[in-house]
Every structure is written in structure tokens, then in C-alpha cells.
Amino acid sequence: MKTIKRYSVSLLSIVLSLLAATLILTTLYYFDYISTDTYKFFKIGTLIITLLANSIVLGRSSLKNGYLDGIKLGIMLIIFCTLVSIMQKNISIKLILYNIIILISSTLGSMIGINTKKIKE
């Protein structure tokens, strides 16, 4: 039960922070404060930073094998993104690239999190 709670909190945190960041970026783009290229760059950067930060938190709560927790979280996010793309009938090569970025970011973040965890003495 604790494992399900950890993953659900991580997934909810990722989705909410991505929604908030996307809302801010879209507003800036709509009012022409940032260009199209900058918007695309920040969109990918936001995804990577959000995944890294939330995966670090997940990795710190792991007992061992932080990379496995990151892979599990990444696969859950990939399944979610793929389902949304299938419903929108928007499957492309970009989706595969996003999925690779998601998997690498979440795995790397969990590995960083498990290595920065404070050891109880």
C-alpha cells in the first residue's frame, strides 16, 4: 500500500506541476513575450526538470535500487502519454522521443535521489 501511495503522489505531483508550468509558458507565448523556438525549448526543459525533481523525491523515499523506481515511474508516465496520444490519434516519431526523454529523466532523477539520501545512523 505504501508503494502505491508513493507512486500516486509522484504521478499527481508531476501532472500538476507540468500543468502549472505549461499554463505559464502558454500564457507567455500567447502574449508574445517568448518566441516559438524559446517556447519549444522551455516546454522540453520543463518536462525534464519536473521529472528530475519529482524522481529525486521518489528516489529519496526508496530503500534500495532507486533506478528501478525511476524506471517504474517512467513506464507509468509513458503508458499515460501513449494512451492520451492514441485517444487523440496523434502517434508520431516525436512521441517515441518524448518517451525516451521521460524514461531517462525519471531513472536519472531516482538514481540521484537514492545517492543523496541521508543515511540514518
PDB file of N, CA and C in Angstrom:
ATOM      1  N   MET A   1       0.812  -1.197   0.000  1.00  0.00           N
ATOM      2  CA  MET A   1       0.000   0.000   0.000  1.00  0.00           C
ATOM      3  C   MET A   1       0.862   1.270   0.000  1.00  0.00           C
ATOM      4  N   LYS A   2       1.981   1.199   0.729  1.00  0.00           N
ATOM      5  CA  LYS A   2       2.869   2.358   0.763  1.00  0.00           C
ATOM      6  C   LYS A   2       3.464   2.642  -0.608  1.00  0.00           C
ATOM      7  N   THR A   3       3.740   1.580  -1.350  1.00  0.00           N
ATOM      8  CA  THR A   3       4.319   1.745  -2.684  1.00  0.00           C
ATOM      9  C   THR A   3       3.338   2.432  -3.622  1.00  0.00           C
ATOM     10  N   ILE A   4       2.094   2.011  -3.575  1.00  0.00           N
ATOM     11  CA  ILE A   4       1.068   2.630  -4.415  1.00  0.00           C
ATOM     12  C   ILE A   4       0.904   4.098  -4.054  1.00  0.00           C
ATOM     13  N   LYS A   5       0.945   4.409  -2.775  1.00  0.00           N
ATOM     14  CA  LYS A   5       0.814   5.797  -2.327  1.00  0.00           C
ATOM     15  C   LYS A   5       1.997   6.634  -2.818  1.00  0.00           C
ATOM     16  N   ARG A   6       3.212   6.084  -2.729  1.00  0.00           N
ATOM     17  CA  ARG A   6       4.398   6.819  -3.190  1.00  0.00           C
ATOM     18  C   ARG A   6       4.309   7.151  -4.673  1.00  0.00           C
ATOM     19  N   TYR A   7       3.940   6.151  -5.467  1.00  0.00           N
ATOM     20  CA  TYR A   7       3.857   6.376  -6.911  1.00  0.00           C
ATOM     21  C   TYR A   7       2.702   7.301  -7.281  1.00  0.00           C
ATOM     22  N   SER A   8       1.576   7.151  -6.609  1.00  0.00           N
ATOM     23  CA  SER A   8       0.436   8.020  -6.936  1.00  0.00           C
ATOM     24  C   SER A   8       0.718   9.465  -6.558  1.00  0.00           C
ATOM     25  N   VAL A   9       1.401   9.687  -5.447  1.00  0.00           N
ATOM     26  CA  VAL A   9       1.764  11.051  -5.056  1.00  0.00           C
ATOM     27  C   VAL A   9       2.757  11.625  -6.064  1.00  0.00           C
ATOM     28  N   SER A  10       3.708  10.815  -6.504  1.00  0.00           N
ATOM     29  CA  SER A  10       4.683  11.281  -7.504  1.00  0.00           C
ATOM     30  C   SER A  10       4.007  11.608  -8.825  1.00  0.00           C
ATOM     31  N   LEU A  11       3.116  10.731  -9.277  1.00  0.00           N
ATOM     32  CA  LEU A  11       2.414  10.978 -10.536  1.00  0.00           C
ATOM     33  C   LEU A  11       1.544  12.225 -10.459  1.00  0.00           C
ATOM     34  N   LEU A  12       0.833  12.380  -9.356  1.00  0.00           N
ATOM     35  CA  LEU A  12      -0.013  13.561  -9.188  1.00  0.00           C
ATOM     36  C   LEU A  12       0.826  14.837  -9.139  1.00  0.00           C
ATOM     37  N   SER A  13       1.939  14.776  -8.448  1.00  0.00           N
ATOM     38  CA  SER A  13       2.833  15.930  -8.362  1.00  0.00           C
ATOM     39  C   SER A  13       3.393  16.293  -9.732  1.00  0.00           C
ATOM     40  N   ILE A  14       3.770  15.293 -10.506  1.00  0.00           N
ATOM     41  CA  ILE A  14       4.307  15.546 -11.842  1.00  0.00           C
ATOM     42  C   ILE A  14       3.247  16.167 -12.743  1.00  0.00           C
ATOM     43  N   VAL A  15       2.056  15.595 -12.737  1.00  0.00           N
ATOM     44  CA  VAL A  15       0.994  16.102 -13.601  1.00  0.00           C
ATOM     45  C   VAL A  15       0.612  17.533 -13.228  1.00  0.00           C
ATOM     46  N   LEU A  16       0.469  17.806 -11.934  1.00  0.00           N
ATOM     47  CA  LEU A  16       0.080  19.157 -11.513  1.00  0.00           C
ATOM     48  C   LEU A  16       1.165  20.190 -11.815  1.00  0.00           C
ATOM     49  N   SER A  17       2.420  19.833 -11.581  1.00  0.00           N
ATOM     50  CA  SER A  17       3.484  20.797 -11.858  1.00  0.00           C
ATOM     51  C   SER A  17       3.661  21.011 -13.364  1.00  0.00           C
ATOM     52  N   LEU A  18       3.463  19.971 -14.163  1.00  0.00           N
ATOM     53  CA  LEU A  18       3.522  20.151 -15.616  1.00  0.00           C
ATOM     54  C   LEU A  18       2.371  21.016 -16.119  1.00  0.00           C
ATOM     55  N   LEU A  19       1.193  20.821 -15.556  1.00  0.00           N
ATOM     56  CA  LEU A  19       0.052  21.654 -15.952  1.00  0.00           C
ATOM     57  C   LEU A  19       0.282  23.118 -15.602  1.00  0.00           C
ATOM     58  N   ALA A  20       0.794  23.373 -14.408  1.00  0.00           N
ATOM     59  CA  ALA A  20       1.044  24.749 -13.989  1.00  0.00           C
ATOM     60  C   ALA A  20       2.130  25.398 -14.859  1.00  0.00           C
ATOM     61  N   ALA A  21       3.196  24.673 -15.096  1.00  0.00           N
ATOM     62  CA  ALA A  21       4.285  25.221 -15.918  1.00  0.00           C
ATOM     63  C   ALA A  21       3.840  25.442 -17.359  1.00  0.00           C
ATOM     64  N   THR A  22       3.055  24.526 -17.874  1.00  0.00           N
ATOM     65  CA  THR A  22       2.556  24.672 -19.247  1.00  0.00           C
ATOM     66  C   THR A  22       1.606  25.853 -19.360  1.00  0.00           C
ATOM     67  N   LEU A  23       0.791  26.060 -18.353  1.00  0.00           N
ATOM     68  CA  LEU A  23      -0.120  27.209 -18.352  1.00  0.00           C
ATOM     69  C   LEU A  23       0.660  28.521 -18.383  1.00  0.00           C
ATOM     70  N   ILE A  24       1.699  28.608 -17.583  1.00  0.00           N
ATOM     71  CA  ILE A  24       2.518  29.818 -17.550  1.00  0.00           C
ATOM     72  C   ILE A  24       3.236  30.019 -18.885  1.00  0.00           C
ATOM     73  N   LEU A  25       3.831  28.946 -19.425  1.00  0.00           N
ATOM     74  CA  LEU A  25       4.534  29.060 -20.711  1.00  0.00           C
ATOM     75  C   LEU A  25       3.585  29.432 -21.842  1.00  0.00           C
ATOM     76  N   THR A  26       2.417  28.839 -21.856  1.00  0.00           N
ATOM     77  CA  THR A  26       1.453  29.136 -22.917  1.00  0.00           C
ATOM     78  C   THR A  26       0.968  30.572 -22.831  1.00  0.00           C
ATOM     79  N   THR A  27       0.774  31.059 -21.627  1.00  0.00           N
ATOM     80  CA  THR A  27       0.365  32.452 -21.461  1.00  0.00           C
ATOM     81  C   THR A  27       1.447  33.399 -21.966  1.00  0.00           C
ATOM     82  N   LEU A  28       2.694  33.116 -21.634  1.00  0.00           N
ATOM     83  CA  LEU A  28       3.792  33.944 -22.117  1.00  0.00           C
ATOM     84  C   LEU A  28       3.903  33.891 -23.640  1.00  0.00           C
ATOM     85  N   TYR A  29       3.689  32.722 -24.199  1.00  0.00           N
ATOM     86  CA  TYR A  29       3.757  32.560 -25.650  1.00  0.00           C
ATOM     87  C   TYR A  29       2.580  33.268 -26.329  1.00  0.00           C
ATOM     88  N   TYR A  30       1.418  33.186 -25.738  1.00  0.00           N
ATOM     89  CA  TYR A  30       0.228  33.811 -26.319  1.00  0.00           C
ATOM     90  C   TYR A  30       0.372  35.328 -26.405  1.00  0.00           C
ATOM     91  N   PHE A  31       0.933  35.932 -25.373  1.00  0.00           N
ATOM     92  CA  PHE A  31       1.102  37.384 -25.361  1.00  0.00           C
ATOM     93  C   PHE A  31       2.427  37.834 -25.973  1.00  0.00           C
ATOM     94  N   ASP A  32       3.080  36.973 -26.693  1.00  0.00           N
ATOM     95  CA  ASP A  32       4.312  37.242 -27.442  1.00  0.00           C
ATOM     96  C   ASP A  32       5.477  37.727 -26.575  1.00  0.00           C
ATOM     97  N   TYR A  33       5.570  37.198 -25.375  1.00  0.00           N
ATOM     98  CA  TYR A  33       6.737  37.507 -24.549  1.00  0.00           C
ATOM     99  C   TYR A  33       7.896  36.569 -24.865  1.00  0.00           C
ATOM    100  N   ILE A  34       7.586  35.399 -25.402  1.00  0.00           N
ATOM    101  CA  ILE A  34       8.623  34.463 -25.822  1.00  0.00           C
ATOM    102  C   ILE A  34       8.328  34.006 -27.250  1.00  0.00           C
ATOM    103  N   SER A  35       9.387  33.663 -27.970  1.00  0.00           N
ATOM    104  CA  SER A  35       9.234  33.250 -29.368  1.00  0.00           C
ATOM    105  C   SER A  35       8.870  31.764 -29.455  1.00  0.00           C
ATOM    106  N   THR A  36       8.627  31.321 -30.666  1.00  0.00           N
ATOM    107  CA  THR A  36       8.240  29.925 -30.889  1.00  0.00           C
ATOM    108  C   THR A  36       9.369  28.966 -30.519  1.00  0.00           C
ATOM    109  N   ASP A  37      10.584  29.294 -30.907  1.00  0.00           N
ATOM    110  CA  ASP A  37      11.719  28.432 -30.587  1.00  0.00           C
ATOM    111  C   ASP A  37      11.973  28.376 -29.084  1.00  0.00           C
ATOM    112  N   THR A  38      11.850  29.511 -28.433  1.00  0.00           N
ATOM    113  CA  THR A  38      12.027  29.564 -26.988  1.00  0.00           C
ATOM    114  C   THR A  38      10.943  28.758 -26.287  1.00  0.00           C
ATOM    115  N   TYR A  39       9.738  28.846 -26.798  1.00  0.00           N
ATOM    116  CA  TYR A  39       8.618  28.102 -26.226  1.00  0.00           C
ATOM    117  C   TYR A  39       8.865  26.599 -26.319  1.00  0.00           C
ATOM    118  N   LYS A  40       9.328  26.127 -27.466  1.00  0.00           N
ATOM    119  CA  LYS A  40       9.612  24.706 -27.642  1.00  0.00           C
ATOM    120  C   LYS A  40      10.734  24.248 -26.716  1.00  0.00           C
ATOM    121  N   PHE A  41      11.761  25.080 -26.578  1.00  0.00           N
ATOM    122  CA  PHE A  41      12.885  24.753 -25.703  1.00  0.00           C
ATOM    123  C   PHE A  41      12.434  24.667 -24.247  1.00  0.00           C
ATOM    124  N   PHE A  42      11.669  25.645 -23.788  1.00  0.00           N
ATOM    125  CA  PHE A  42      11.189  25.652 -22.413  1.00  0.00           C
ATOM    126  C   PHE A  42      10.196  24.528 -22.138  1.00  0.00           C
ATOM    127  N   LYS A  43       9.448  24.133 -23.151  1.00  0.00           N
ATOM    128  CA  LYS A  43       8.495  23.042 -22.977  1.00  0.00           C
ATOM    129  C   LYS A  43       9.224  21.735 -22.681  1.00  0.00           C
ATOM    130  N   ILE A  44      10.274  21.449 -23.423  1.00  0.00           N
ATOM    131  CA  ILE A  44      11.081  20.246 -23.164  1.00  0.00           C
ATOM    132  C   ILE A  44      11.839  20.391 -21.849  1.00  0.00           C
ATOM    133  N   GLY A  45      12.391  21.578 -21.596  1.00  0.00           N
ATOM    134  CA  GLY A  45      13.121  21.816 -20.355  1.00  0.00           C
ATOM    135  C   GLY A  45      12.243  21.654 -19.128  1.00  0.00           C
ATOM    136  N   THR A  46      11.018  22.117 -19.223  1.00  0.00           N
ATOM    137  CA  THR A  46      10.076  21.980 -18.113  1.00  0.00           C
ATOM    138  C   THR A  46       9.789  20.517 -17.829  1.00  0.00           C
ATOM    139  N   LEU A  47       9.616  19.736 -18.879  1.00  0.00           N
ATOM    140  CA  LEU A  47       9.377  18.299 -18.715  1.00  0.00           C
ATOM    141  C   LEU A  47      10.549  17.637 -18.010  1.00  0.00           C
ATOM    142  N   ILE A  48      11.746  17.934 -18.452  1.00  0.00           N
ATOM    143  CA  ILE A  48      12.934  17.301 -17.878  1.00  0.00           C
ATOM    144  C   ILE A  48      13.138  17.721 -16.425  1.00  0.00           C
ATOM    145  N   ILE A  49      13.029  19.000 -16.147  1.00  0.00           N
ATOM    146  CA  ILE A  49      13.242  19.491 -14.778  1.00  0.00           C
ATOM    147  C   ILE A  49      12.188  18.956 -13.826  1.00  0.00           C
ATOM    148  N   THR A  50      10.942  18.926 -14.266  1.00  0.00           N
ATOM    149  CA  THR A  50       9.866  18.413 -13.421  1.00  0.00           C
ATOM    150  C   THR A  50      10.073  16.934 -13.116  1.00  0.00           C
ATOM    151  N   LEU A  51      10.418  16.172 -14.131  1.00  0.00           N
ATOM    152  CA  LEU A  51      10.654  14.741 -13.908  1.00  0.00           C
ATOM    153  C   LEU A  51      11.854  14.494 -13.012  1.00  0.00           C
ATOM    154  N   LEU A  52      12.920  15.246 -13.233  1.00  0.00           N
ATOM    155  CA  LEU A  52      14.104  15.081 -12.378  1.00  0.00           C
ATOM    156  C   LEU A  52      13.793  15.399 -10.920  1.00  0.00           C
ATOM    157  N   ALA A  53      13.114  16.514 -10.700  1.00  0.00           N
ATOM    158  CA  ALA A  53      12.824  16.927  -9.321  1.00  0.00           C
ATOM    159  C   ALA A  53      11.919  15.923  -8.610  1.00  0.00           C
ATOM    160  N   ASN A  54      10.871  15.499  -9.270  1.00  0.00           N
ATOM    161  CA  ASN A  54       9.955  14.560  -8.625  1.00  0.00           C
ATOM    162  C   ASN A  54      10.559  13.164  -8.506  1.00  0.00           C
ATOM    163  N   SER A  55      11.424  12.785  -9.414  1.00  0.00           N
ATOM    164  CA  SER A  55      12.092  11.493  -9.306  1.00  0.00           C
ATOM    165  C   SER A  55      13.135  11.495  -8.198  1.00  0.00           C
ATOM    166  N   ILE A  56      13.761  12.639  -7.966  1.00  0.00           N
ATOM    167  CA  ILE A  56      14.701  12.741  -6.840  1.00  0.00           C
ATOM    168  C   ILE A  56      13.957  12.527  -5.522  1.00  0.00           C
ATOM    169  N   VAL A  57      12.785  13.120  -5.416  1.00  0.00           N
ATOM    170  CA  VAL A  57      11.975  12.925  -4.207  1.00  0.00           C
ATOM    171  C   VAL A  57      11.578  11.462  -4.065  1.00  0.00           C
ATOM    172  N   LEU A  58      11.188  10.840  -5.153  1.00  0.00           N
ATOM    173  CA  LEU A  58      10.837   9.416  -5.127  1.00  0.00           C
ATOM    174  C   LEU A  58      12.046   8.566  -4.772  1.00  0.00           C
ATOM    175  N   GLY A  59      13.197   8.895  -5.314  1.00  0.00           N
ATOM    176  CA  GLY A  59      14.414   8.144  -5.027  1.00  0.00           C
ATOM    177  C   GLY A  59      14.839   8.252  -3.572  1.00  0.00           C
ATOM    178  N   ARG A  60      14.618   9.389  -2.978  1.00  0.00           N
ATOM    179  CA  ARG A  60      14.971   9.553  -1.562  1.00  0.00           C
ATOM    180  C   ARG A  60      14.087   8.711  -0.651  1.00  0.00           C
ATOM    181  N   SER A  61      12.881   8.421  -1.095  1.00  0.00           N
ATOM    182  CA  SER A  61      11.993   7.605  -0.270  1.00  0.00           C
ATOM    183  C   SER A  61      12.178   6.113  -0.545  1.00  0.00           C
ATOM    184  N   SER A  62      13.070   5.757  -1.473  1.00  0.00           N
ATOM    185  CA  SER A  62      13.336   4.355  -1.785  1.00  0.00           C
ATOM    186  C   SER A  62      14.288   3.765  -0.761  1.00  0.00           C
ATOM    187  N   LEU A  63      14.160   2.481  -0.556  1.00  0.00           N
ATOM    188  CA  LEU A  63      15.079   1.803   0.347  1.00  0.00           C
ATOM    189  C   LEU A  63      16.351   1.361  -0.379  1.00  0.00           C
ATOM    190  N   LYS A  64      16.184   0.844  -1.595  1.00  0.00           N
ATOM    191  CA  LYS A  64      17.334   0.458  -2.411  1.00  0.00           C
ATOM    192  C   LYS A  64      16.886   0.422  -3.867  1.00  0.00           C
ATOM    193  N   ASN A  65      17.841   0.335  -4.762  1.00  0.00           N
ATOM    194  CA  ASN A  65      17.582   0.272  -6.199  1.00  0.00           C
ATOM    195  C   ASN A  65      16.701   1.430  -6.673  1.00  0.00           C
ATOM    196  N   GLY A  66      17.206   2.628  -6.539  1.00  0.00           N
ATOM    197  CA  GLY A  66      16.467   3.814  -6.951  1.00  0.00           C
ATOM    198  C   GLY A  66      16.193   3.851  -8.440  1.00  0.00           C
ATOM    199  N   TYR A  67      17.087   3.278  -9.216  1.00  0.00           N
ATOM    200  CA  TYR A  67      16.882   3.294 -10.660  1.00  0.00           C
ATOM    201  C   TYR A  67      15.645   2.479 -11.058  1.00  0.00           C
ATOM    202  N   LEU A  68      15.341   1.418 -10.307  1.00  0.00           N
ATOM    203  CA  LEU A  68      14.143   0.632 -10.613  1.00  0.00           C
ATOM    204  C   LEU A  68      12.874   1.436 -10.344  1.00  0.00           C
ATOM    205  N   ASP A  69      12.880   2.233  -9.273  1.00  0.00           N
ATOM    206  CA  ASP A  69      11.735   3.093  -9.009  1.00  0.00           C
ATOM    207  C   ASP A  69      11.572   4.133 -10.105  1.00  0.00           C
ATOM    208  N   GLY A  70      12.684   4.650 -10.593  1.00  0.00           N
ATOM    209  CA  GLY A  70      12.630   5.615 -11.688  1.00  0.00           C
ATOM    210  C   GLY A  70      12.111   4.999 -12.965  1.00  0.00           C
ATOM    211  N   ILE A  71      12.529   3.769 -13.243  1.00  0.00           N
ATOM    212  CA  ILE A  71      12.049   3.077 -14.437  1.00  0.00           C
ATOM    213  C   ILE A  71      10.550   2.805 -14.318  1.00  0.00           C
ATOM    214  N   LYS A  72      10.103   2.390 -13.141  1.00  0.00           N
ATOM    215  CA  LYS A  72       8.670   2.134 -12.938  1.00  0.00           C
ATOM    216  C   LYS A  72       7.857   3.409 -13.133  1.00  0.00           C
ATOM    217  N   LEU A  73       8.334   4.498 -12.551  1.00  0.00           N
ATOM    218  CA  LEU A  73       7.639   5.777 -12.709  1.00  0.00           C
ATOM    219  C   LEU A  73       7.637   6.211 -14.167  1.00  0.00           C
ATOM    220  N   GLY A  74       8.755   6.048 -14.839  1.00  0.00           N
ATOM    221  CA  GLY A  74       8.852   6.408 -16.250  1.00  0.00           C
ATOM    222  C   GLY A  74       7.904   5.591 -17.111  1.00  0.00           C
ATOM    223  N   ILE A  75       7.812   4.295 -16.839  1.00  0.00           N
ATOM    224  CA  ILE A  75       6.910   3.442 -17.616  1.00  0.00           C
ATOM    225  C   ILE A  75       5.459   3.828 -17.374  1.00  0.00           C
ATOM    226  N   MET A  76       5.118   4.175 -16.135  1.00  0.00           N
ATOM    227  CA  MET A  76       3.749   4.632 -15.854  1.00  0.00           C
ATOM    228  C   MET A  76       3.421   5.901 -16.642  1.00  0.00           C
ATOM    229  N   LEU A  77       4.355   6.839 -16.676  1.00  0.00           N
ATOM    230  CA  LEU A  77       4.143   8.075 -17.430  1.00  0.00           C
ATOM    231  C   LEU A  77       4.091   7.820 -18.936  1.00  0.00           C
ATOM    232  N   ILE A  78       4.908   6.891 -19.419  1.00  0.00           N
ATOM    233  CA  ILE A  78       4.896   6.551 -20.843  1.00  0.00           C
ATOM    234  C   ILE A  78       3.556   5.939 -21.230  1.00  0.00           C
ATOM    235  N   ILE A  79       3.036   5.054 -20.390  1.00  0.00           N
ATOM    236  CA  ILE A  79       1.728   4.451 -20.670  1.00  0.00           C
ATOM    237  C   ILE A  79       0.651   5.524 -20.703  1.00  0.00           C
ATOM    238  N   PHE A  80       0.694   6.454 -19.746  1.00  0.00           N
ATOM    239  CA  PHE A  80      -0.287   7.538 -19.707  1.00  0.00           C
ATOM    240  C   PHE A  80      -0.206   8.401 -20.967  1.00  0.00           C
ATOM    241  N   CYS A  81       1.004   8.795 -21.341  1.00  0.00           N
ATOM    242  CA  CYS A  81       1.182   9.642 -22.535  1.00  0.00           C
ATOM    243  C   CYS A  81       0.772   8.909 -23.806  1.00  0.00           C
ATOM    244  N   THR A  82       1.079   7.625 -23.883  1.00  0.00           N
ATOM    245  CA  THR A  82       0.715   6.842 -25.064  1.00  0.00           C
ATOM    246  C   THR A  82      -0.797   6.701 -25.178  1.00  0.00           C
ATOM    247  N   LEU A  83      -1.464   6.469 -24.055  1.00  0.00           N
ATOM    248  CA  LEU A  83      -2.927   6.362 -24.081  1.00  0.00           C
ATOM    249  C   LEU A  83      -3.573   7.668 -24.532  1.00  0.00           C
ATOM    250  N   VAL A  84      -3.062   8.780 -24.040  1.00  0.00           N
ATOM    251  CA  VAL A  84      -3.600  10.078 -24.459  1.00  0.00           C
ATOM    252  C   VAL A  84      -3.356  10.297 -25.948  1.00  0.00           C
ATOM    253  N   SER A  85      -2.189   9.921 -26.439  1.00  0.00           N
ATOM    254  CA  SER A  85      -1.890  10.086 -27.867  1.00  0.00           C
ATOM    255  C   SER A  85      -2.747   9.176 -28.735  1.00  0.00           C
ATOM    256  N   ILE A  86      -3.015   7.982 -28.255  1.00  0.00           N
ATOM    257  CA  ILE A  86      -3.871   7.066 -29.021  1.00  0.00           C
ATOM    258  C   ILE A  86      -5.291   7.609 -29.095  1.00  0.00           C
ATOM    259  N   MET A  87      -5.787   8.163 -27.991  1.00  0.00           N
ATOM    260  CA  MET A  87      -7.142   8.726 -27.998  1.00  0.00           C
ATOM    261  C   MET A  87      -7.242   9.924 -28.943  1.00  0.00           C
ATOM    262  N   GLN A  88      -6.165  10.685 -29.054  1.00  0.00           N
ATOM    263  CA  GLN A  88      -6.158  11.841 -29.949  1.00  0.00           C
ATOM    264  C   GLN A  88      -5.733  11.464 -31.364  1.00  0.00           C
ATOM    265  N   LYS A  89      -5.376  10.198 -31.569  1.00  0.00           N
ATOM    266  CA  LYS A  89      -4.891   9.703 -32.861  1.00  0.00           C
ATOM    267  C   LYS A  89      -3.704  10.532 -33.356  1.00  0.00           C
ATOM    268  N   ASN A  90      -2.763  10.747 -32.442  1.00  0.00           N
ATOM    269  CA  ASN A  90      -1.617  11.603 -32.717  1.00  0.00           C
ATOM    270  C   ASN A  90      -0.316  10.862 -32.407  1.00  0.00           C
ATOM    271  N   ILE A  91      -0.113   9.721 -33.039  1.00  0.00           N
ATOM    272  CA  ILE A  91       1.089   8.934 -32.798  1.00  0.00           C
ATOM    273  C   ILE A  91       2.131   9.304 -33.860  1.00  0.00           C
ATOM    274  N   SER A  92       3.324   9.666 -33.396  1.00  0.00           N
ATOM    275  CA  SER A  92       4.378  10.059 -34.323  1.00  0.00           C
ATOM    276  C   SER A  92       5.736   9.676 -33.745  1.00  0.00           C
ATOM    277  N   ILE A  93       6.764  10.008 -34.462  1.00  0.00           N
ATOM    278  CA  ILE A  93       8.128   9.724 -34.024  1.00  0.00           C
ATOM    279  C   ILE A  93       8.478  10.603 -32.822  1.00  0.00           C
ATOM    280  N   LYS A  94       7.840  11.786 -32.727  1.00  0.00           N
ATOM    281  CA  LYS A  94       8.074  12.670 -31.578  1.00  0.00           C
ATOM    282  C   LYS A  94       7.666  11.995 -30.283  1.00  0.00           C
ATOM    283  N   LEU A  95       6.596  11.203 -30.335  1.00  0.00           N
ATOM    284  CA  LEU A  95       6.116  10.505 -29.144  1.00  0.00           C
ATOM    285  C   LEU A  95       7.179   9.545 -28.626  1.00  0.00           C
ATOM    286  N   ILE A  96       7.855   8.857 -29.515  1.00  0.00           N
ATOM    287  CA  ILE A  96       8.916   7.936 -29.110  1.00  0.00           C
ATOM    288  C   ILE A  96      10.067   8.706 -28.473  1.00  0.00           C
ATOM    289  N   LEU A  97      10.406   9.859 -29.035  1.00  0.00           N
ATOM    290  CA  LEU A  97      11.462  10.687 -28.464  1.00  0.00           C
ATOM    291  C   LEU A  97      11.075  11.203 -27.078  1.00  0.00           C
ATOM    292  N   TYR A  98       9.826  11.664 -26.921  1.00  0.00           N
ATOM    293  CA  TYR A  98       9.352  12.100 -25.611  1.00  0.00           C
ATOM    294  C   TYR A  98       9.388  10.959 -24.602  1.00  0.00           C
ATOM    295  N   ASN A  99       9.015   9.760 -25.040  1.00  0.00           N
ATOM    296  CA  ASN A  99       9.025   8.613 -24.132  1.00  0.00           C
ATOM    297  C   ASN A  99      10.439   8.275 -23.680  1.00  0.00           C
ATOM    298  N   ILE A 100      11.392   8.385 -24.576  1.00  0.00           N
ATOM    299  CA  ILE A 100      12.793   8.136 -24.202  1.00  0.00           C
ATOM    300  C   ILE A 100      13.267   9.195 -23.212  1.00  0.00           C
ATOM    301  N   ILE A 101      12.911  10.450 -23.448  1.00  0.00           N
ATOM    302  CA  ILE A 101      13.283  11.530 -22.532  1.00  0.00           C
ATOM    303  C   ILE A 101      12.653  11.304 -21.163  1.00  0.00           C
ATOM    304  N   ILE A 102      11.390  10.895 -21.138  1.00  0.00           N
ATOM    305  CA  ILE A 102      10.701  10.625 -19.874  1.00  0.00           C
ATOM    306  C   ILE A 102      11.398   9.512 -19.110  1.00  0.00           C
ATOM    307  N   LEU A 103      11.725   8.432 -19.784  1.00  0.00           N
ATOM    308  CA  LEU A 103      12.348   7.292 -19.124  1.00  0.00           C
ATOM    309  C   LEU A 103      13.739   7.637 -18.587  1.00  0.00           C
ATOM    310  N   ILE A 104      14.537   8.328 -19.379  1.00  0.00           N
ATOM    311  CA  ILE A 104      15.888   8.693 -18.945  1.00  0.00           C
ATOM    312  C   ILE A 104      15.832   9.690 -17.782  1.00  0.00           C
ATOM    313  N   SER A 105      14.960  10.683 -17.866  1.00  0.00           N
ATOM    314  CA  SER A 105      14.877  11.702 -16.807  1.00  0.00           C
ATOM    315  C   SER A 105      14.409  11.104 -15.487  1.00  0.00           C
ATOM    316  N   SER A 106      13.401  10.257 -15.538  1.00  0.00           N
ATOM    317  CA  SER A 106      12.895   9.683 -14.296  1.00  0.00           C
ATOM    318  C   SER A 106      13.898   8.704 -13.684  1.00  0.00           C
ATOM    319  N   THR A 107      14.580   7.936 -14.506  1.00  0.00           N
ATOM    320  CA  THR A 107      15.581   6.999 -13.994  1.00  0.00           C
ATOM    321  C   THR A 107      16.763   7.747 -13.399  1.00  0.00           C
ATOM    322  N   LEU A 108      17.248   8.758 -14.099  1.00  0.00           N
ATOM    323  CA  LEU A 108      18.377   9.542 -13.615  1.00  0.00           C
ATOM    324  C   LEU A 108      18.024  10.277 -12.314  1.00  0.00           C
ATOM    325  N   GLY A 109      16.825  10.829 -12.254  1.00  0.00           N
ATOM    326  CA  GLY A 109      16.397  11.526 -11.042  1.00  0.00           C
ATOM    327  C   GLY A 109      16.318  10.602  -9.835  1.00  0.00           C
ATOM    328  N   SER A 110      15.808   9.398 -10.018  1.00  0.00           N
ATOM    329  CA  SER A 110      15.736   8.451  -8.908  1.00  0.00           C
ATOM    330  C   SER A 110      17.118   7.991  -8.473  1.00  0.00           C
ATOM    331  N   MET A 111      18.018   7.850  -9.422  1.00  0.00           N
ATOM    332  CA  MET A 111      19.389   7.476  -9.066  1.00  0.00           C
ATOM    333  C   MET A 111      20.065   8.586  -8.265  1.00  0.00           C
ATOM    334  N   ILE A 112      19.828   9.815  -8.656  1.00  0.00           N
ATOM    335  CA  ILE A 112      20.374  10.946  -7.891  1.00  0.00           C
ATOM    336  C   ILE A 112      19.746  10.990  -6.504  1.00  0.00           C
ATOM    337  N   GLY A 113      18.436  10.748  -6.430  1.00  0.00           N
ATOM    338  CA  GLY A 113      17.736  10.784  -5.156  1.00  0.00           C
ATOM    339  C   GLY A 113      18.211   9.733  -4.175  1.00  0.00           C
ATOM    340  N   ILE A 114      18.437   8.520  -4.640  1.00  0.00           N
ATOM    341  CA  ILE A 114      18.889   7.458  -3.746  1.00  0.00           C
ATOM    342  C   ILE A 114      20.321   7.708  -3.282  1.00  0.00           C
ATOM    343  N   ASN A 115      21.123   8.372  -4.109  1.00  0.00           N
ATOM    344  CA  ASN A 115      22.507   8.650  -3.734  1.00  0.00           C
ATOM    345  C   ASN A 115      22.644   9.863  -2.831  1.00  0.00           C
ATOM    346  N   THR A 116      21.671  10.750  -2.820  1.00  0.00           N
ATOM    347  CA  THR A 116      21.733  11.917  -1.936  1.00  0.00           C
ATOM    348  C   THR A 116      20.929  11.720  -0.658  1.00  0.00           C
ATOM    349  N   LYS A 117      20.397  10.525  -0.491  1.00  0.00           N
ATOM    350  CA  LYS A 117      19.612  10.237   0.700  1.00  0.00           C
ATOM    351  C   LYS A 117      20.509  10.223   1.923  1.00  0.00           C
ATOM    352  N   LYS A 118      20.024  10.784   2.996  1.00  0.00           N
ATOM    353  CA  LYS A 118      20.795  10.805   4.242  1.00  0.00           C
ATOM    354  C   LYS A 118      20.682   9.445   4.913  1.00  0.00           C
ATOM    355  N   ILE A 119      21.824   8.920   5.320  1.00  0.00           N
ATOM    356  CA  ILE A 119      21.875   7.598   5.952  1.00  0.00           C
ATOM    357  C   ILE A 119      21.599   7.764   7.445  1.00  0.00           C
ATOM    358  N   LYS A 120      20.625   6.972   7.922  1.00  0.00           N
ATOM    359  CA  LYS A 120      20.304   7.017   9.348  1.00  0.00           C
ATOM    360  C   LYS A 120      21.345   6.224  10.120  1.00  0.00           C
ATOM    361  N   GLU A 121      21.857   6.837  11.161  1.00  0.00           N
ATOM    362  CA  GLU A 121      22.898   6.169  11.962  1.00  0.00           C
ATOM    363  C   GLU A 121      22.322   5.599  13.220  1.00  0.00           C
TER     364      GLU A 121
END
